[in-house]
Amino acid sequence: MKFKLQNQYLNGSIQLMQRMPLAGYDSMARTRFIKVLGEPFQALSDSKKELLEEYVQRDEKGNPVIKGNNYQLIPDKIQDYQNAYNKLTSEIAEIDKPTYTNHLKDVQRILRNSTLQLADDDATIYAALCEALEVNFEEEV
């Protein structure tokens, strides 16, 4: 399976697929697709951690400063961090993972036939995923 998806949609795509009520063969196809998305998502997560390590404030022992579950960034580096973060999440993940012969068609069908009610970010993620996988809504259900 080969496609491209913007980094910012990776996690949401995984979550969206997990929420789809599927059974049997379609559930198996979904699980395999989530695994396909898992590798680039993990790479993105690792890159985000590296980026944070570069811009986080540290205490006298060298530990990151955390206030109320949030890492504190170096005050004069906040904009640099934000620019780098935005660039990272805007990058396109090129996903090329061998699966099984008709996996792409199966996932396209699952997305085309989805009955999930979507709004806001979920609708945007669904649209991005359908575009990345070239889902044809003109095909027969």
C-alpha atoms as a PDB file:
ATOM      1  CA  MET A   1       0.000   0.000   0.000  1.00  0.00           C
ATOM      2  CA  LYS A   2       1.448   3.316  -1.065  1.00  0.00           C
ATOM      3  CA  PHE A   3       0.029   6.787  -0.329  1.00  0.00           C
ATOM      4  CA  LYS A   4       0.878  10.182   1.124  1.00  0.00           C
ATOM      5  CA  LEU A   5      -0.755  11.818   4.144  1.00  0.00           C
ATOM      6  CA  GLN A   6       0.090  15.011   5.961  1.00  0.00           C
ATOM      7  CA  ASN A   7       1.645  14.310   9.379  1.00  0.00           C
ATOM      8  CA  GLN A   8      -1.029  16.267  11.206  1.00  0.00           C
ATOM      9  CA  TYR A   9      -3.649  13.700  10.126  1.00  0.00           C
ATOM     10  CA  LEU A  10      -1.839  10.524  11.194  1.00  0.00           C
ATOM     11  CA  ASN A  11      -3.080  10.251  14.774  1.00  0.00           C
ATOM     12  CA  GLY A  12      -6.592  11.377  13.898  1.00  0.00           C
ATOM     13  CA  SER A  13      -6.743   8.822  11.083  1.00  0.00           C
ATOM     14  CA  ILE A  14      -5.819   6.041  13.478  1.00  0.00           C
ATOM     15  CA  GLN A  15      -8.455   7.176  15.979  1.00  0.00           C
ATOM     16  CA  LEU A  16     -11.091   7.579  13.278  1.00  0.00           C
ATOM     17  CA  MET A  17     -10.480   4.087  11.937  1.00  0.00           C
ATOM     18  CA  GLN A  18     -10.625   2.637  15.467  1.00  0.00           C
ATOM     19  CA  ARG A  19     -14.096   4.137  15.988  1.00  0.00           C
ATOM     20  CA  MET A  20     -15.612   2.570  12.874  1.00  0.00           C
ATOM     21  CA  PRO A  21     -18.018  -0.230  13.753  1.00  0.00           C
ATOM     22  CA  LEU A  22     -16.683  -3.124  11.673  1.00  0.00           C
ATOM     23  CA  ALA A  23     -16.702  -6.888  11.949  1.00  0.00           C
ATOM     24  CA  GLY A  24     -15.040  -9.876  10.357  1.00  0.00           C
ATOM     25  CA  TYR A  25     -12.909  -9.297   7.279  1.00  0.00           C
ATOM     26  CA  ASP A  26     -13.407  -5.509   7.334  1.00  0.00           C
ATOM     27  CA  SER A  27     -12.253  -5.357  10.944  1.00  0.00           C
ATOM     28  CA  MET A  28      -9.119  -7.284  10.001  1.00  0.00           C
ATOM     29  CA  ALA A  29      -8.449  -4.917   7.068  1.00  0.00           C
ATOM     30  CA  ARG A  30      -8.887  -1.948   9.400  1.00  0.00           C
ATOM     31  CA  THR A  31      -6.485  -3.406  11.973  1.00  0.00           C
ATOM     32  CA  ARG A  32      -3.849  -3.945   9.312  1.00  0.00           C
ATOM     33  CA  PHE A  33      -4.367  -0.406   8.011  1.00  0.00           C
ATOM     34  CA  ILE A  34      -3.920   1.016  11.509  1.00  0.00           C
ATOM     35  CA  LYS A  35      -0.611  -0.861  11.692  1.00  0.00           C
ATOM     36  CA  VAL A  36       0.397   0.730   8.370  1.00  0.00           C
ATOM     37  CA  LEU A  37      -0.299   4.166   9.874  1.00  0.00           C
ATOM     38  CA  GLY A  38       1.448   3.259  13.134  1.00  0.00           C
ATOM     39  CA  GLU A  39       5.019   3.434  11.830  1.00  0.00           C
ATOM     40  CA  PRO A  40       4.880   6.993  10.433  1.00  0.00           C
ATOM     41  CA  PHE A  41       2.889   8.065  13.506  1.00  0.00           C
ATOM     42  CA  GLN A  42       5.625   6.704  15.788  1.00  0.00           C
ATOM     43  CA  ALA A  43       8.287   8.492  13.725  1.00  0.00           C
ATOM     44  CA  LEU A  44       6.311  11.729  14.067  1.00  0.00           C
ATOM     45  CA  SER A  45       5.952  11.232  17.832  1.00  0.00           C
ATOM     46  CA  ASP A  46       9.694  10.643  18.155  1.00  0.00           C
ATOM     47  CA  SER A  47      10.420  13.798  16.141  1.00  0.00           C
ATOM     48  CA  LYS A  48       8.064  15.829  18.337  1.00  0.00           C
ATOM     49  CA  LYS A  49       9.872  14.572  21.449  1.00  0.00           C
ATOM     50  CA  GLU A  50      13.252  15.498  19.963  1.00  0.00           C
ATOM     51  CA  LEU A  51      11.956  18.947  19.092  1.00  0.00           C
ATOM     52  CA  LEU A  52      10.595  19.471  22.590  1.00  0.00           C
ATOM     53  CA  GLU A  53      13.907  18.378  24.123  1.00  0.00           C
ATOM     54  CA  GLU A  54      15.629  21.111  22.146  1.00  0.00           C
ATOM     55  CA  TYR A  55      13.327  23.932  23.278  1.00  0.00           C
ATOM     56  CA  VAL A  56      12.236  22.966  26.812  1.00  0.00           C
ATOM     57  CA  GLN A  57      13.331  24.890  29.889  1.00  0.00           C
ATOM     58  CA  ARG A  58      15.442  22.890  32.318  1.00  0.00           C
ATOM     59  CA  ASP A  59      15.880  23.176  36.067  1.00  0.00           C
ATOM     60  CA  GLU A  60      19.244  23.272  37.847  1.00  0.00           C
ATOM     61  CA  LYS A  61      19.473  19.449  37.632  1.00  0.00           C
ATOM     62  CA  GLY A  62      18.848  19.468  33.882  1.00  0.00           C
ATOM     63  CA  ASN A  63      15.322  18.091  34.141  1.00  0.00           C
ATOM     64  CA  PRO A  64      12.536  19.558  31.994  1.00  0.00           C
ATOM     65  CA  VAL A  65      10.398  22.180  33.752  1.00  0.00           C
ATOM     66  CA  ILE A  66       6.758  21.095  33.853  1.00  0.00           C
ATOM     67  CA  LYS A  67       3.905  23.241  35.163  1.00  0.00           C
ATOM     68  CA  GLY A  68       0.448  21.717  35.332  1.00  0.00           C
ATOM     69  CA  ASN A  69       1.133  18.890  32.827  1.00  0.00           C
ATOM     70  CA  ASN A  70       2.733  21.292  30.320  1.00  0.00           C
ATOM     71  CA  TYR A  71       6.383  21.505  29.435  1.00  0.00           C
ATOM     72  CA  GLN A  72       7.704  25.030  29.780  1.00  0.00           C
ATOM     73  CA  LEU A  73       9.555  26.280  26.741  1.00  0.00           C
ATOM     74  CA  ILE A  74      12.541  28.624  26.764  1.00  0.00           C
ATOM     75  CA  PRO A  75      10.800  32.030  26.637  1.00  0.00           C
ATOM     76  CA  ASP A  76      12.843  33.542  23.801  1.00  0.00           C
ATOM     77  CA  LYS A  77      12.613  30.287  21.786  1.00  0.00           C
ATOM     78  CA  ILE A  78       8.829  29.822  21.808  1.00  0.00           C
ATOM     79  CA  GLN A  79       8.358  31.178  18.278  1.00  0.00           C
ATOM     80  CA  ASP A  80      11.251  29.062  16.966  1.00  0.00           C
ATOM     81  CA  TYR A  81       9.655  25.990  18.539  1.00  0.00           C
ATOM     82  CA  GLN A  82       6.243  26.850  17.093  1.00  0.00           C
ATOM     83  CA  ASN A  83       7.702  27.356  13.607  1.00  0.00           C
ATOM     84  CA  ALA A  84       9.576  24.039  13.748  1.00  0.00           C
ATOM     85  CA  TYR A  85       6.519  22.229  15.148  1.00  0.00           C
ATOM     86  CA  ASN A  86       4.263  23.632  12.415  1.00  0.00           C
ATOM     87  CA  LYS A  87       6.768  22.629   9.748  1.00  0.00           C
ATOM     88  CA  LEU A  88       6.971  19.098  11.187  1.00  0.00           C
ATOM     89  CA  THR A  89       3.206  18.586  11.324  1.00  0.00           C
ATOM     90  CA  SER A  90       2.764  20.033   7.835  1.00  0.00           C
ATOM     91  CA  GLU A  91       5.224  17.582   6.284  1.00  0.00           C
ATOM     92  CA  ILE A  92       3.839  14.830   4.103  1.00  0.00           C
ATOM     93  CA  ALA A  93       4.371  11.258   5.269  1.00  0.00           C
ATOM     94  CA  GLU A  94       5.158   8.991   2.332  1.00  0.00           C
ATOM     95  CA  ILE A  95       3.751   5.649   3.347  1.00  0.00           C
ATOM     96  CA  ASP A  96       4.804   2.612   1.348  1.00  0.00           C
ATOM     97  CA  LYS A  97       4.110  -0.568   3.268  1.00  0.00           C
ATOM     98  CA  PRO A  98       3.491  -4.001   1.789  1.00  0.00           C
ATOM     99  CA  THR A  99       0.265  -5.559   3.043  1.00  0.00           C
ATOM    100  CA  TYR A 100      -1.933  -7.863   0.972  1.00  0.00           C
ATOM    101  CA  THR A 101      -3.145  -7.701  -2.616  1.00  0.00           C
ATOM    102  CA  ASN A 102      -6.499  -5.934  -2.197  1.00  0.00           C
ATOM    103  CA  HIS A 103      -5.845  -4.053   1.026  1.00  0.00           C
ATOM    104  CA  LEU A 104      -6.062  -0.609  -0.554  1.00  0.00           C
ATOM    105  CA  LYS A 105      -9.374  -1.459  -2.214  1.00  0.00           C
ATOM    106  CA  ASP A 106     -10.695  -2.848   1.074  1.00  0.00           C
ATOM    107  CA  VAL A 107      -9.803   0.312   2.995  1.00  0.00           C
ATOM    108  CA  GLN A 108     -11.232   2.499   0.222  1.00  0.00           C
ATOM    109  CA  ARG A 109     -14.496   0.537   0.421  1.00  0.00           C
ATOM    110  CA  ILE A 110     -14.588   0.800   4.217  1.00  0.00           C
ATOM    111  CA  LEU A 111     -14.116   4.572   4.036  1.00  0.00           C
ATOM    112  CA  ARG A 112     -16.636   4.972   1.208  1.00  0.00           C
ATOM    113  CA  ASN A 113     -19.276   2.981   3.110  1.00  0.00           C
ATOM    114  CA  SER A 114     -18.613   4.513   6.533  1.00  0.00           C
ATOM    115  CA  THR A 115     -21.719   5.482   8.475  1.00  0.00           C
ATOM    116  CA  LEU A 116     -19.913   7.493  11.149  1.00  0.00           C
ATOM    117  CA  GLN A 117     -21.392  10.912  11.773  1.00  0.00           C
ATOM    118  CA  LEU A 118     -18.455  13.315  11.438  1.00  0.00           C
ATOM    119  CA  ALA A 119     -17.989  16.983  12.199  1.00  0.00           C
ATOM    120  CA  ASP A 120     -15.185  19.479  12.701  1.00  0.00           C
ATOM    121  CA  ASP A 121     -11.712  17.892  12.904  1.00  0.00           C
ATOM    122  CA  ASP A 122     -13.052  14.382  12.270  1.00  0.00           C
ATOM    123  CA  ALA A 123     -14.637  15.500   9.001  1.00  0.00           C
ATOM    124  CA  THR A 124     -11.383  17.159   7.939  1.00  0.00           C
ATOM    125  CA  ILE A 125      -9.378  14.040   8.804  1.00  0.00           C
ATOM    126  CA  TYR A 126     -11.838  11.819   6.936  1.00  0.00           C
ATOM    127  CA  ALA A 127     -11.596  14.045   3.853  1.00  0.00           C
ATOM    128  CA  ALA A 128      -7.779  14.044   3.997  1.00  0.00           C
ATOM    129  CA  LEU A 129      -7.686  10.256   4.370  1.00  0.00           C
ATOM    130  CA  CYS A 130     -10.134   9.729   1.507  1.00  0.00           C
ATOM    131  CA  GLU A 131      -8.103  12.062  -0.693  1.00  0.00           C
ATOM    132  CA  ALA A 132      -4.814  10.370   0.210  1.00  0.00           C
ATOM    133  CA  LEU A 133      -6.246   6.943  -0.582  1.00  0.00           C
ATOM    134  CA  GLU A 134      -8.075   8.196  -3.674  1.00  0.00           C
ATOM    135  CA  VAL A 135     -11.468   6.950  -2.509  1.00  0.00           C
ATOM    136  CA  ASN A 136     -13.880   7.034  -5.426  1.00  0.00           C
ATOM    137  CA  PHE A 137     -17.389   7.816  -4.200  1.00  0.00           C
ATOM    138  CA  GLU A 138     -18.815   7.106  -7.657  1.00  0.00           C
ATOM    139  CA  GLU A 139     -18.133   3.376  -7.326  1.00  0.00           C
ATOM    140  CA  GLU A 140     -20.901   0.996  -6.362  1.00  0.00           C
ATOM    141  CA  VAL A 141     -21.417   0.372  -2.672  1.00  0.00           C
END
